Protein backbone atom coordinates (compact mmCIF):
# COMPACT_ATOMS: atom_id res chain seq x y z
CA UNK A 1 60.77 76.08 117.21
CA UNK A 2 63.57 74.90 119.73
CA UNK A 3 65.72 73.26 117.87
CA UNK A 4 66.13 76.21 115.22
CA UNK A 5 66.57 78.34 118.61
CA UNK A 6 69.72 75.95 119.74
CA UNK A 7 70.74 75.94 116.24
CA UNK A 8 70.87 79.99 116.16
CA UNK A 9 71.95 79.99 119.55
CA UNK A 10 75.33 77.91 118.39
CA UNK A 11 75.75 79.59 115.43
CA UNK A 12 76.41 83.30 117.56
CA UNK A 13 78.56 81.17 120.05
CA UNK A 14 80.51 79.68 117.31
CA UNK A 15 81.10 83.47 115.81
CA UNK A 16 81.97 84.53 119.60
CA UNK A 17 84.67 81.93 119.71
CA UNK A 18 85.62 82.33 115.99
CA UNK A 19 85.83 85.84 115.55
CA UNK A 20 90.00 85.94 115.60
CA UNK A 21 89.53 84.34 112.10
CA UNK A 22 86.68 86.22 110.47
CA UNK A 23 87.76 88.87 108.20
CA UNK A 24 86.93 92.12 110.05
CA UNK A 25 87.00 90.79 113.63
CA UNK A 26 84.82 91.94 116.23
CA UNK A 27 83.63 94.78 113.85
CA UNK A 28 82.01 92.23 111.92
CA UNK A 29 80.20 89.90 114.16
CA UNK A 30 79.11 92.84 117.00
CA UNK A 31 76.26 94.10 114.18
CA UNK A 32 75.19 90.38 114.06
CA UNK A 33 75.19 89.49 117.60
CA UNK A 34 73.15 92.63 118.68
CA UNK A 35 70.56 92.06 115.44
CA UNK A 36 69.97 88.57 115.44
CA UNK A 37 69.77 87.53 119.31
CA UNK A 38 66.45 87.22 120.76
CA UNK A 39 65.25 86.38 124.11
CA UNK A 40 64.85 82.81 123.19
CA UNK A 41 68.35 82.78 122.34
CA UNK A 42 69.82 84.30 125.17
CA UNK A 43 67.77 81.68 127.30
CA UNK A 44 68.99 78.71 125.27
CA UNK A 45 73.18 80.75 125.69
CA UNK A 46 73.25 80.66 129.32
CA UNK A 47 72.73 76.75 129.60
CA UNK A 48 76.11 76.61 127.14
CA UNK A 49 79.82 76.97 127.76
CA UNK A 50 80.96 80.01 127.81
CA UNK A 51 77.46 81.48 127.05
CA UNK A 52 76.72 84.08 129.77
CA UNK A 53 80.10 85.48 128.94
CA UNK A 54 78.65 86.35 125.22
CA UNK A 55 75.36 87.31 126.44
CA UNK A 56 77.46 90.24 129.05
CA UNK A 57 78.97 91.27 125.52
CA UNK A 58 75.75 91.76 123.65
CA UNK A 59 74.60 93.46 126.73
CA UNK A 60 77.30 95.62 126.94
CA UNK A 61 77.02 96.27 123.14
CA UNK A 62 73.02 97.14 123.11
CA UNK A 63 73.80 99.36 126.31
CA UNK A 64 76.66 101.48 124.61
CA UNK A 65 79.03 100.23 127.15
CA UNK A 66 81.59 98.52 124.43
CA UNK A 67 82.13 100.20 121.10
CA UNK A 68 80.90 98.31 118.07
CA UNK A 69 84.41 97.36 117.37
CA UNK A 70 85.58 95.81 120.09
CA UNK A 71 84.83 93.57 123.08
CA UNK A 72 85.72 94.27 127.06
CA UNK A 73 88.62 92.39 128.03
CA UNK A 74 87.21 90.61 130.86
CA UNK A 75 84.59 88.93 128.48
CA UNK A 76 87.29 87.51 125.46
CA UNK A 77 87.38 84.15 124.72
CA UNK A 78 89.57 81.53 126.32
CA UNK A 79 89.88 83.73 129.03
CA UNK A 80 91.41 86.26 126.75
CA UNK A 81 94.31 84.32 127.25
CA UNK A 82 96.09 84.67 123.56
CA UNK A 83 95.44 89.15 123.94
CA UNK A 84 97.23 89.12 127.16
CA UNK A 85 100.55 86.85 125.61
CA UNK A 86 100.40 89.06 122.23
CA UNK A 87 100.46 92.03 124.63
CA UNK A 88 103.82 90.91 126.48
CA UNK A 89 105.57 90.26 123.04
CA UNK A 90 107.83 92.83 121.35
CA UNK A 91 109.04 92.29 117.94
CA UNK A 92 112.25 92.78 116.58
CA UNK A 93 113.07 95.61 113.78
CA UNK A 94 113.88 91.80 111.65
CA UNK A 95 110.59 90.57 112.95
CA UNK A 96 108.07 93.21 111.67
CA UNK A 97 110.47 93.21 108.33
CA UNK A 98 109.83 89.34 108.08
CA UNK A 99 105.80 89.56 108.49
CA UNK A 100 105.50 93.08 106.89
CA UNK A 101 107.10 91.46 103.54
CA UNK A 102 104.90 87.83 103.72
CA UNK A 103 101.66 90.28 104.08
CA UNK A 104 102.78 92.31 101.11
CA UNK A 105 103.70 89.51 98.76
CA UNK A 106 100.95 86.78 99.94
CA UNK A 107 99.22 85.46 96.75
CA UNK A 108 95.93 83.70 97.72
CA UNK A 109 96.64 80.44 96.78
CA UNK A 110 97.46 77.33 98.38
CA UNK A 111 101.48 77.89 97.81
CA UNK A 112 101.06 81.24 99.11
CA UNK A 113 98.94 80.22 102.32
CA UNK A 114 101.34 77.32 103.03
CA UNK A 115 104.35 79.64 102.65
CA UNK A 116 102.88 82.24 105.23
CA UNK A 117 102.03 78.99 107.43
CA UNK A 118 105.92 78.31 107.61
CA UNK A 119 107.05 81.65 109.03
CA UNK A 120 108.64 81.44 112.47
CA UNK A 121 106.45 83.68 113.91
CA UNK A 122 103.25 81.93 112.69
CA UNK A 123 104.45 78.77 114.44
CA UNK A 124 105.35 80.37 117.06
CA UNK A 125 101.81 81.50 118.05
CA UNK A 126 100.29 77.75 117.09
CA UNK A 127 96.65 77.46 116.14
CA UNK A 128 95.82 81.27 117.50
CA UNK A 129 98.57 82.86 114.99
CA UNK A 130 95.46 84.85 113.52
CA UNK A 131 94.37 86.39 116.88
CA UNK A 132 97.72 87.13 117.39
CA UNK A 133 99.29 88.25 114.46
CA UNK A 134 95.75 90.72 113.47
CA UNK A 135 96.24 92.34 116.85
CA UNK A 136 100.41 93.17 116.56
CA UNK A 137 99.63 94.19 112.93
CA UNK A 138 96.86 96.62 114.11
CA UNK A 139 99.89 98.81 114.63
CA UNK A 140 100.42 98.93 110.61
CA UNK A 141 96.96 99.94 109.62
CA UNK A 142 98.10 100.21 105.54
CA UNK A 143 98.66 96.19 105.74
CA UNK A 144 94.95 95.70 106.70
CA UNK A 145 93.54 94.84 102.82
CA UNK A 146 96.48 92.45 102.49
CA UNK A 147 95.88 91.05 105.79
CA UNK A 148 92.28 90.59 105.10
CA UNK A 149 93.22 87.94 102.19
CA UNK A 150 95.91 86.55 104.51
CA UNK A 151 92.62 85.23 106.49
CA UNK A 152 90.02 84.90 103.67
CA UNK A 153 92.55 82.35 101.92
CA UNK A 154 93.39 80.92 105.60
CA UNK A 155 89.62 80.08 106.14
CA UNK A 156 88.80 79.05 102.44
CA UNK A 157 91.10 75.98 102.31
CA UNK A 158 90.62 75.53 106.25
CA UNK A 159 86.92 75.20 105.46
CA UNK A 160 88.10 72.88 101.59
CA UNK A 161 90.00 70.59 103.36
CA UNK A 162 87.03 70.22 106.74
CA UNK A 163 84.16 70.00 104.07
CA UNK A 164 86.31 66.89 102.04
CA UNK A 165 86.60 65.26 105.70
CA UNK A 166 83.43 65.27 105.95
CA UNK A 167 82.42 64.00 102.78
CA UNK A 168 84.64 61.31 102.35
CA UNK A 169 83.95 59.39 106.11
CA UNK A 170 81.01 58.49 108.04
CA UNK A 171 80.31 61.60 110.28
CA UNK A 172 78.19 61.15 113.92
CA UNK A 173 74.95 63.27 113.59
CA UNK A 174 76.81 65.48 116.23
CA UNK A 175 79.03 66.50 113.61
CA UNK A 176 76.27 66.86 111.03
CA UNK A 177 74.15 68.98 113.15
CA UNK A 178 77.92 71.48 113.44
CA UNK A 179 77.88 71.57 109.32
CA UNK A 180 74.57 72.85 109.41
CA UNK A 181 75.66 75.44 112.03
CA UNK A 182 78.75 76.51 110.06
CA UNK A 183 77.10 76.46 106.72
CA UNK A 184 76.79 80.25 106.79
CA UNK A 185 80.86 80.16 106.47
CA UNK A 186 80.51 77.06 103.86
CA UNK A 187 78.77 79.18 101.70
CA UNK A 188 80.69 81.92 101.73
CA UNK A 189 83.82 80.30 101.21
CA UNK A 190 83.51 77.12 98.66
CA UNK A 191 82.52 79.21 95.77
CA UNK A 192 85.75 80.69 96.09
CA UNK A 193 87.05 77.57 94.69
CA UNK A 194 84.99 77.38 91.37
CA UNK A 195 82.81 74.75 90.34
CA UNK A 196 84.40 72.50 92.59
CA UNK A 197 83.69 74.47 95.59
CA UNK A 198 80.28 75.05 94.67
CA UNK A 199 80.26 70.84 93.61
CA UNK A 200 81.74 70.49 97.43
CA UNK A 201 79.22 72.69 99.02
CA UNK A 202 76.06 70.75 97.15
CA UNK A 203 77.41 67.88 98.49
CA UNK A 204 77.13 69.38 102.04
CA UNK A 205 73.92 70.20 101.84
CA UNK A 206 72.88 66.93 100.67
CA UNK A 207 74.72 65.70 103.70
CA UNK A 208 73.28 67.28 106.56
CA UNK A 209 69.45 67.44 104.56
CA UNK A 210 69.75 63.57 105.95
CA UNK A 211 69.53 64.59 109.40
CA UNK A 212 65.85 65.56 108.86
């Protein structure tokens, strides 16, 4: 029972840390925090890195202090450093055209994703580009649906590559446990690759079942 509580706490903490790459952002993950967090999970989060920040965020949501589509800036993961950087950025007209054209013309395949990741404005933010561009594009709500497609494609290929790497080489028990925590994401995105994705998903399930 204790192991299950720890796993569920880790899953929620991962959602908190990765909200910037989840379609829907805080609007998508906040209801999960409110509905799935038990007293036992709260106790487990107290012993985890950044767990107390998530606890405070959940309490704010439940008390109505924080709307369900956002988070208090002081409770942002990573100290809100990316948010501060994004707020300080002013794009030129040419940069706006570049990002708008890239989102509008995006194709949800490997070529389209690689082309998008090659943009100067994406490289500017490094690994945190999903957080930065989502914040920037909040000024262009008419791009939301197409932006969601970009993030869905990014998540799919990220998890596809991670899953293949995991299956290809011996991995530690810690990584196996992490795969178990992240399994809902794999179950969401790997089927997007058709039979190959479904087969890889089954291999992952077999992989983590060897933990037991």
